[in-house]
Structure formats: structure tokens, C-alpha cells
Amino acid sequence: MSALKDLYSPAFYEKLSASLLDTVPAFDRTLFLERIFTADFEQKELKERMAHTTAVLHTFFPADYPAAVALLKTLIHRLRLDFRQEGLEFIFLPDYIATYGLDNYDASIDALEFVTQFVTCEFGIRPFILRYYEPMLAQMERWSLHESPKVRRLASEGSRPMLPWGMGIPALKKDPLVNLKLLENLKNDPSESVRRSVANHLNDLSKHHPTVVIGLARQWQGNSPETDALIRHGLRTLLKQSHPEIMDYYGLDSHGISFSGFRVHTPAVAIGDSLDFSFEIENQGPARTIRLEYVIYYKRQQEQVSRKVFKISERSYAPGETAVIYRRQSFRPITTRRYYAGKQQLAILLNGAEQAAVDFELLGDS
């Protein structure tokens, strides 16, 4: 699997330089490629390559910023023809606006609205929110009513309190009410990508302001199947945390669920292998929804423990219905998690109620 930074490949720059040759006056294709492929280019990560591309492009663009923005729009028209579809590699375009247009608010906002319809400007917009907080809040509310779903998505995604990879904006985390009108405008949006962004926005808010999000969920409940699905996705962190109000909201009660036969089949697991376990449940009450999850308490350094919840299923069970559940959890090394050998724990969640945890041993590499 190639690294994400390899989106900025020689083939990409060759094709990009052809588009620039057709749009940028006096563009020197050979010089552009020489400036891109510096001696340290291979060591640069994704965001470094993005910023590097921005800086090199700037050397060929007009020093006058409004003129540069006009040329940027012309370039995008050309890119639509040459590349047919946008990709993440084009995030250097909004980065250009954020890097060189922060002192020119009006021209930059117009450019962001245009560019985001080609490649998302959710990262490029963050410096503008940080500097022009109140005007940008008003602008994003206006964008939430825009005819383009990509602009409407920017309104929600760009103003998320905890946007992954995005510049942090403390004021967005502090005030949970600041974007409520914007979210209200988008909760029934016909675009699935916009609704997904609203769900992610709610999920961000839930991590610091769960009561506000739960209140919104109750207000929006039953508005439409799409809005109910949006709410569900937006409450996912609170569901994983078995937040009492959320469990009550969805009627997830553990009383009357029999749990038995819990067994770890691989009590000693080598890093690179899998933990196998099974258990049985019985619904001893009326028909109901049962949400099944399991928890791994991972050992960390200095005797610390981290808790990670994994969903098994969530479905309706008839009175007296039983199910035998088998699961396998991989301990194959991944870049986002480091494993530490030693005693770990596994537990099962039945509608948010944790059953007795059992120990297992994580060994070194197999």
C-alpha cells in the first residue's frame, strides 16, 4: 500500500505542470519541476508536500493577490478538463488562499466558495475562522443555504470543533451553541455528504457538551429517517461510552438479558495473532433491541490502561431468543496503535452494561 504522501507523485506533477502551462502566463515547466523535486522531497510528508507545492506555485503566480485568485479560478477550470475529478492532492489550492490571502478577507472568501466546489476547503478555511471569528460564523451560516452541496458541506465541516488534521480553534470547542443555526439549516439536507458532516459535527460537540447534543437529538427525533440516521451517527461516541441518557434515549436496557458461557479461546496471544472468544446471550424479556459490544483494556506504558470499544451487532431479539457469539480480535501491528506485551483484559457490553472482565496475556511478536 502506498503512503498518502505519494499522491504528490512525479506523474501528478507532470500532469499538473501541463495544466499550468496552459493557464499561467510565461510558465516555465522545467523550472517548476526542478523547484518541486528538491533534494529532501522524498522525506517530506503529505502536509509538507502540500505546503511545498503551494510555495512553488506562488513563485509563478502574480504578486497581486486578487490577480492570483483570478488565475487560480482559471487554473481550476483547466484542471476540471485535464483531471476530470478532484482529489485530495489538490488541497494545495485552498492552502494557497490560506497562506497568501489571510489579509485579503473579501477576495479570499469568494475564492474559498469557488475552490471548495472543486476540492474541499475545510482545512484552508480554519485560519480565517481563527482571525475573523464573528464574520466567518455569519458567512458559514449563509453558506449553509448555498445551492451547492459542497459549499453547504464546507459550512459544517470547516467549522467542526475538532476537525481531524485541521487547525484547532478553541472558541469552537468552548461555545457549543455558536453553530446551532447552521446545523439546523443542514439537518434535513438532501446531500448525504452534508448530513454526514453534520453528524460528525455533532459527534465533536458530544465529546465536550453531551447535554447540548442530547437536547438536539430529542428536538430532531422523528423529523425524517435521514435525520434519525444522522442523529444516530452523531451520537456514536456517547453510545460507545454507554452514556446513561443516550442508552435511555434508545431504550437500551440490560435487564432481562442472560449472559453465559463467556470464554477466551486464546488466553495467550502473540502480537501479530488474534484473540478468539465466545459467549451466549438470551433475551428473557419482551422483544427488544440488544446492542452487543466488547471492550479491550490495552496495557500501556507505566501501568496505564486504555479502553477501546468495538461493536459486534445491534438488532432486535424476540422473547426467548438466544444467540451464540464468536469473535476474533486481531493484534496485528497497525500504525495507529502500539501494543505492549503483558496482561490485558476483555469484557462484553450488553446494552451498555459491562459484564465481568477476563484477563488474557499478550506475548511478544510471533
Foldseek 3Di string as FASTA:
>chain_A
DDAPLCVPPPVVLVLLLVLCVVQQPPDDSVVLVDQLDDPCNVVDGNVRSLVSNLVSVVVRADPPVLRRLVSLLVSLVSCCVSVVAADPSPQSSLVNCLVRPLVPPPSSVVSQLRCLVRPNNLQSCQVNCQVVVPVVLVVLLVQCPDPDVSSVLSSQQSLQCCRVVHDHRVVSQVDVCSCPSSLVSQLPPPDLSSLLSSLCSLLSNCVRPVVVLLVVCVVCPPVDPSSPVSSCSSCVVVQQQLPVSVLVVQVQDQPQKDKDDWDWPAQEAEQQAKTKIKIKIWRQDAKDKKWKKKWKFAADPPRHTDIDIGTDDIDIDHHGDMDMDIDIGHNHDDPVDDHDWAKMWMWMAISRDTDDIDIGTYHYHD
